[in-house]
Amino acid sequence: MRRFKLTIATTMLALAPWTGAGAQVTIDVAKITCDQFTLYKITDPQNIAIWISGYYHGQRNTTTIDTQQLSAALQKVKDYCNLRPQETVMHAVETVFGPPK
């Protein structure tokens, strides 16, 4: 059994460079459209919402977060974005909640 696990691990390590493992993908959140956001074209919208929440909390110099409020805010942004698929998510957030202070 140990030899089998070792063989699988060695095979995976050998294939890693060819499979793209470890490749980095960067995304400019300011360019994510509502369409990409609501249709999961980049990632789960909740992941983007968490990043945006952190960004705006940083702008406001606050380190606290209300998780229930985050869920409600995510739904408001999704509702807005469903009506305006070509707008950016950052614009949608600023329209729904106002610019960072």
N, C-alpha and C. Protein backbone atom coordinates (compact mmCIF):
# COMPACT_ATOMS: atom_id res chain seq x y z
N MET A 1 0.84 -1.20 0.00
CA MET A 1 0.00 0.00 0.00
C MET A 1 0.87 1.24 0.00
N ARG A 2 1.94 1.25 0.81
CA ARG A 2 2.82 2.41 0.89
C ARG A 2 3.48 2.66 -0.46
N ARG A 3 3.89 1.59 -1.13
CA ARG A 3 4.54 1.73 -2.43
C ARG A 3 3.56 2.33 -3.45
N PHE A 4 2.29 1.93 -3.38
CA PHE A 4 1.26 2.45 -4.27
C PHE A 4 1.10 3.96 -4.08
N LYS A 5 1.02 4.42 -2.81
CA LYS A 5 0.90 5.85 -2.52
C LYS A 5 2.12 6.61 -3.01
N LEU A 6 3.30 6.04 -2.82
CA LEU A 6 4.54 6.67 -3.25
C LEU A 6 4.55 6.82 -4.77
N THR A 7 4.08 5.79 -5.48
CA THR A 7 4.04 5.84 -6.94
C THR A 7 3.09 6.94 -7.41
N ILE A 8 1.91 7.04 -6.79
CA ILE A 8 0.95 8.08 -7.17
C ILE A 8 1.52 9.47 -6.90
N ALA A 9 2.14 9.64 -5.75
CA ALA A 9 2.72 10.93 -5.40
C ALA A 9 3.83 11.31 -6.38
N THR A 10 4.68 10.37 -6.71
CA THR A 10 5.77 10.63 -7.65
C THR A 10 5.22 10.98 -9.03
N THR A 11 4.20 10.27 -9.47
CA THR A 11 3.59 10.54 -10.77
C THR A 11 2.97 11.93 -10.80
N MET A 12 2.29 12.30 -9.72
CA MET A 12 1.67 13.62 -9.67
C MET A 12 2.73 14.72 -9.69
N LEU A 13 3.80 14.53 -8.98
CA LEU A 13 4.88 15.52 -8.98
C LEU A 13 5.52 15.64 -10.35
N ALA A 14 5.67 14.52 -11.02
CA ALA A 14 6.28 14.54 -12.34
C ALA A 14 5.39 15.24 -13.36
N LEU A 15 4.07 15.11 -13.22
CA LEU A 15 3.14 15.72 -14.17
C LEU A 15 2.82 17.17 -13.85
N ALA A 16 3.08 17.61 -12.63
CA ALA A 16 2.71 18.96 -12.20
C ALA A 16 3.15 20.07 -13.15
N PRO A 17 4.41 20.08 -13.61
CA PRO A 17 4.80 21.17 -14.50
C PRO A 17 4.03 21.18 -15.83
N TRP A 18 3.55 20.05 -16.27
CA TRP A 18 2.88 19.96 -17.55
C TRP A 18 1.38 20.23 -17.45
N THR A 19 0.84 20.14 -16.24
CA THR A 19 -0.59 20.33 -16.09
C THR A 19 -0.94 21.76 -15.72
N GLY A 20 0.05 22.61 -15.54
CA GLY A 20 -0.22 23.99 -15.18
C GLY A 20 -0.39 24.18 -13.69
N ALA A 21 -0.12 23.15 -12.90
CA ALA A 21 -0.24 23.28 -11.45
C ALA A 21 0.70 24.37 -10.97
N GLY A 22 0.21 25.20 -10.10
CA GLY A 22 1.03 26.27 -9.56
C GLY A 22 0.97 27.55 -10.39
N ALA A 23 0.26 27.53 -11.50
CA ALA A 23 0.16 28.74 -12.32
C ALA A 23 -0.68 29.78 -11.58
N GLN A 24 -0.30 31.02 -11.73
CA GLN A 24 -1.03 32.10 -11.08
C GLN A 24 -1.95 32.78 -12.09
N VAL A 25 -3.12 33.11 -11.63
CA VAL A 25 -4.08 33.85 -12.46
C VAL A 25 -4.43 35.09 -11.67
N THR A 26 -4.29 36.23 -12.31
CA THR A 26 -4.65 37.48 -11.64
C THR A 26 -5.88 38.07 -12.34
N ILE A 27 -6.69 38.70 -11.54
CA ILE A 27 -7.94 39.29 -12.04
C ILE A 27 -8.02 40.72 -11.55
N ASP A 28 -8.34 41.62 -12.44
CA ASP A 28 -8.58 43.01 -12.06
C ASP A 28 -10.05 43.10 -11.69
N VAL A 29 -10.33 43.16 -10.40
CA VAL A 29 -11.71 43.15 -9.91
C VAL A 29 -12.49 44.34 -10.45
N ALA A 30 -11.83 45.45 -10.69
CA ALA A 30 -12.51 46.63 -11.21
C ALA A 30 -13.07 46.41 -12.61
N LYS A 31 -12.63 45.37 -13.30
CA LYS A 31 -13.09 45.10 -14.66
C LYS A 31 -14.13 43.98 -14.74
N ILE A 32 -14.45 43.36 -13.62
CA ILE A 32 -15.44 42.27 -13.63
C ILE A 32 -16.82 42.86 -13.91
N THR A 33 -17.48 42.34 -14.93
CA THR A 33 -18.82 42.83 -15.27
C THR A 33 -19.87 42.11 -14.43
N CYS A 34 -21.02 42.72 -14.37
CA CYS A 34 -22.14 42.10 -13.66
C CYS A 34 -22.50 40.75 -14.27
N ASP A 35 -22.40 40.65 -15.58
CA ASP A 35 -22.67 39.38 -16.27
C ASP A 35 -21.71 38.30 -15.79
N GLN A 36 -20.43 38.62 -15.74
CA GLN A 36 -19.44 37.65 -15.27
C GLN A 36 -19.69 37.29 -13.80
N PHE A 37 -20.10 38.27 -13.03
CA PHE A 37 -20.35 38.08 -11.61
C PHE A 37 -21.55 37.17 -11.36
N THR A 38 -22.68 37.48 -11.96
CA THR A 38 -23.91 36.74 -11.68
C THR A 38 -23.94 35.36 -12.32
N LEU A 39 -23.20 35.17 -13.40
CA LEU A 39 -23.22 33.89 -14.10
C LEU A 39 -22.02 33.00 -13.76
N TYR A 40 -21.31 33.34 -12.67
CA TYR A 40 -20.19 32.52 -12.16
C TYR A 40 -19.09 32.32 -13.21
N LYS A 41 -18.89 33.29 -14.10
CA LYS A 41 -17.91 33.13 -15.17
C LYS A 41 -16.47 33.22 -14.68
N ILE A 42 -16.25 33.83 -13.53
CA ILE A 42 -14.90 33.94 -12.97
C ILE A 42 -14.75 33.04 -11.76
N THR A 43 -15.67 33.16 -10.83
CA THR A 43 -15.70 32.34 -9.62
C THR A 43 -17.06 32.52 -8.98
N ASP A 44 -17.27 31.87 -7.89
CA ASP A 44 -18.52 32.03 -7.13
C ASP A 44 -18.64 33.50 -6.73
N PRO A 45 -19.79 34.13 -6.98
CA PRO A 45 -19.95 35.54 -6.63
C PRO A 45 -19.65 35.85 -5.16
N GLN A 46 -19.85 34.88 -4.30
CA GLN A 46 -19.56 35.10 -2.89
C GLN A 46 -18.06 35.38 -2.68
N ASN A 47 -17.20 34.71 -3.45
CA ASN A 47 -15.76 34.96 -3.34
C ASN A 47 -15.43 36.41 -3.71
N ILE A 48 -16.05 36.88 -4.77
CA ILE A 48 -15.82 38.26 -5.21
C ILE A 48 -16.39 39.23 -4.18
N ALA A 49 -17.57 38.91 -3.65
CA ALA A 49 -18.20 39.78 -2.65
C ALA A 49 -17.33 39.89 -1.40
N ILE A 50 -16.71 38.80 -1.00
CA ILE A 50 -15.83 38.83 0.17
C ILE A 50 -14.64 39.74 -0.10
N TRP A 51 -14.06 39.64 -1.29
CA TRP A 51 -12.92 40.51 -1.63
C TRP A 51 -13.35 41.97 -1.64
N ILE A 52 -14.47 42.26 -2.28
CA ILE A 52 -14.95 43.64 -2.36
C ILE A 52 -15.27 44.18 -0.97
N SER A 53 -15.87 43.35 -0.15
CA SER A 53 -16.16 43.76 1.22
C SER A 53 -14.87 44.14 1.95
N GLY A 54 -13.85 43.32 1.80
CA GLY A 54 -12.56 43.61 2.42
C GLY A 54 -11.96 44.90 1.89
N TYR A 55 -12.10 45.11 0.59
CA TYR A 55 -11.58 46.33 -0.03
C TYR A 55 -12.24 47.57 0.56
N TYR A 56 -13.59 47.55 0.60
CA TYR A 56 -14.30 48.71 1.13
C TYR A 56 -14.13 48.88 2.64
N HIS A 57 -14.03 47.79 3.36
CA HIS A 57 -13.75 47.90 4.79
C HIS A 57 -12.36 48.51 5.02
N GLY A 58 -11.43 48.15 4.16
CA GLY A 58 -10.09 48.76 4.24
C GLY A 58 -10.13 50.25 3.93
N GLN A 59 -10.94 50.64 2.95
CA GLN A 59 -11.10 52.06 2.61
C GLN A 59 -11.67 52.84 3.79
N ARG A 60 -12.54 52.17 4.53
CA ARG A 60 -13.19 52.82 5.68
C ARG A 60 -12.41 52.60 6.98
N ASN A 61 -11.29 51.90 6.87
CA ASN A 61 -10.41 51.65 8.02
C ASN A 61 -11.15 50.92 9.16
N THR A 62 -11.92 49.92 8.79
CA THR A 62 -12.62 49.11 9.79
C THR A 62 -12.29 47.64 9.58
N THR A 63 -12.16 46.92 10.67
CA THR A 63 -11.80 45.51 10.57
C THR A 63 -12.92 44.58 11.00
N THR A 64 -14.10 45.11 11.23
CA THR A 64 -15.22 44.27 11.64
C THR A 64 -16.13 44.00 10.44
N ILE A 65 -16.78 42.86 10.48
CA ILE A 65 -17.70 42.49 9.41
C ILE A 65 -18.90 41.77 10.00
N ASP A 66 -20.06 42.07 9.48
CA ASP A 66 -21.29 41.41 9.87
C ASP A 66 -21.62 40.42 8.75
N THR A 67 -21.51 39.14 9.04
CA THR A 67 -21.68 38.13 7.99
C THR A 67 -23.11 38.10 7.44
N GLN A 68 -24.10 38.38 8.28
CA GLN A 68 -25.47 38.42 7.78
C GLN A 68 -25.66 39.62 6.86
N GLN A 69 -25.04 40.72 7.21
CA GLN A 69 -25.12 41.91 6.36
C GLN A 69 -24.43 41.64 5.02
N LEU A 70 -23.33 40.89 5.05
CA LEU A 70 -22.62 40.56 3.81
C LEU A 70 -23.52 39.75 2.88
N SER A 71 -24.26 38.79 3.42
CA SER A 71 -25.18 37.99 2.60
C SER A 71 -26.28 38.85 2.00
N ALA A 72 -26.82 39.75 2.79
CA ALA A 72 -27.87 40.65 2.28
C ALA A 72 -27.30 41.59 1.22
N ALA A 73 -26.09 42.08 1.44
CA ALA A 73 -25.45 42.98 0.47
C ALA A 73 -25.18 42.25 -0.83
N LEU A 74 -24.74 41.00 -0.74
CA LEU A 74 -24.49 40.20 -1.94
C LEU A 74 -25.77 40.07 -2.76
N GLN A 75 -26.87 39.82 -2.10
CA GLN A 75 -28.14 39.67 -2.82
C GLN A 75 -28.55 40.98 -3.49
N LYS A 76 -28.34 42.10 -2.82
CA LYS A 76 -28.68 43.41 -3.41
C LYS A 76 -27.85 43.66 -4.66
N VAL A 77 -26.57 43.34 -4.59
CA VAL A 77 -25.70 43.55 -5.76
C VAL A 77 -26.11 42.61 -6.89
N LYS A 78 -26.42 41.36 -6.57
CA LYS A 78 -26.88 40.42 -7.61
C LYS A 78 -28.16 40.94 -8.28
N ASP A 79 -29.11 41.42 -7.47
CA ASP A 79 -30.36 41.95 -8.03
C ASP A 79 -30.08 43.11 -8.98
N TYR A 80 -29.21 44.02 -8.55
CA TYR A 80 -28.84 45.17 -9.38
C TYR A 80 -28.16 44.68 -10.67
N CYS A 81 -27.24 43.75 -10.51
CA CYS A 81 -26.48 43.25 -11.67
C CYS A 81 -27.34 42.49 -12.67
N ASN A 82 -28.35 41.81 -12.19
CA ASN A 82 -29.24 41.08 -13.11
C ASN A 82 -29.94 42.03 -14.08
N LEU A 83 -30.16 43.27 -13.65
CA LEU A 83 -30.81 44.25 -14.51
C LEU A 83 -29.83 45.02 -15.39
N ARG A 84 -28.54 44.96 -15.04
CA ARG A 84 -27.52 45.74 -15.76
C ARG A 84 -26.26 44.89 -16.00
N PRO A 85 -26.34 43.88 -16.86
CA PRO A 85 -25.23 42.93 -17.03
C PRO A 85 -23.93 43.52 -17.58
N GLN A 86 -23.99 44.67 -18.24
CA GLN A 86 -22.77 45.23 -18.82
C GLN A 86 -21.99 46.13 -17.86
N GLU A 87 -22.59 46.51 -16.74
CA GLU A 87 -21.89 47.36 -15.77
C GLU A 87 -20.85 46.55 -15.01
N THR A 88 -19.91 47.25 -14.42
CA THR A 88 -18.94 46.55 -13.59
C THR A 88 -19.52 46.33 -12.20
N VAL A 89 -19.03 45.30 -11.55
CA VAL A 89 -19.49 44.99 -10.20
C VAL A 89 -19.11 46.12 -9.24
N MET A 90 -17.93 46.69 -9.41
CA MET A 90 -17.51 47.79 -8.53
C MET A 90 -18.48 48.97 -8.66
N HIS A 91 -18.92 49.27 -9.89
CA HIS A 91 -19.89 50.34 -10.09
C HIS A 91 -21.22 49.98 -9.45
N ALA A 92 -21.61 48.72 -9.57
CA ALA A 92 -22.86 48.27 -8.96
C ALA A 92 -22.80 48.44 -7.44
N VAL A 93 -21.69 48.06 -6.84
CA VAL A 93 -21.54 48.19 -5.38
C VAL A 93 -21.62 49.66 -4.97
N GLU A 94 -20.93 50.52 -5.70
CA GLU A 94 -20.95 51.94 -5.37
C GLU A 94 -22.33 52.56 -5.60
N THR A 95 -23.07 52.08 -6.57
CA THR A 95 -24.41 52.59 -6.81
C THR A 95 -25.36 52.13 -5.70
N VAL A 96 -25.25 50.89 -5.32
CA VAL A 96 -26.15 50.33 -4.30
C VAL A 96 -25.83 50.85 -2.90
N PHE A 97 -24.53 50.94 -2.58
CA PHE A 97 -24.14 51.27 -1.21
C PHE A 97 -23.43 52.62 -1.04
N GLY A 98 -23.11 53.27 -2.16
CA GLY A 98 -22.41 54.54 -2.08
C GLY A 98 -20.90 54.31 -2.15
N PRO A 99 -20.16 55.35 -2.53
CA PRO A 99 -18.69 55.23 -2.65
C PRO A 99 -18.04 55.09 -1.28
N PRO A 100 -16.81 54.55 -1.26
CA PRO A 100 -16.11 54.44 0.02
C PRO A 100 -15.83 55.81 0.59
N LYS A 101 -15.85 55.91 1.91
CA LYS A 101 -15.64 57.20 2.55
C LYS A 101 -14.25 57.31 3.10
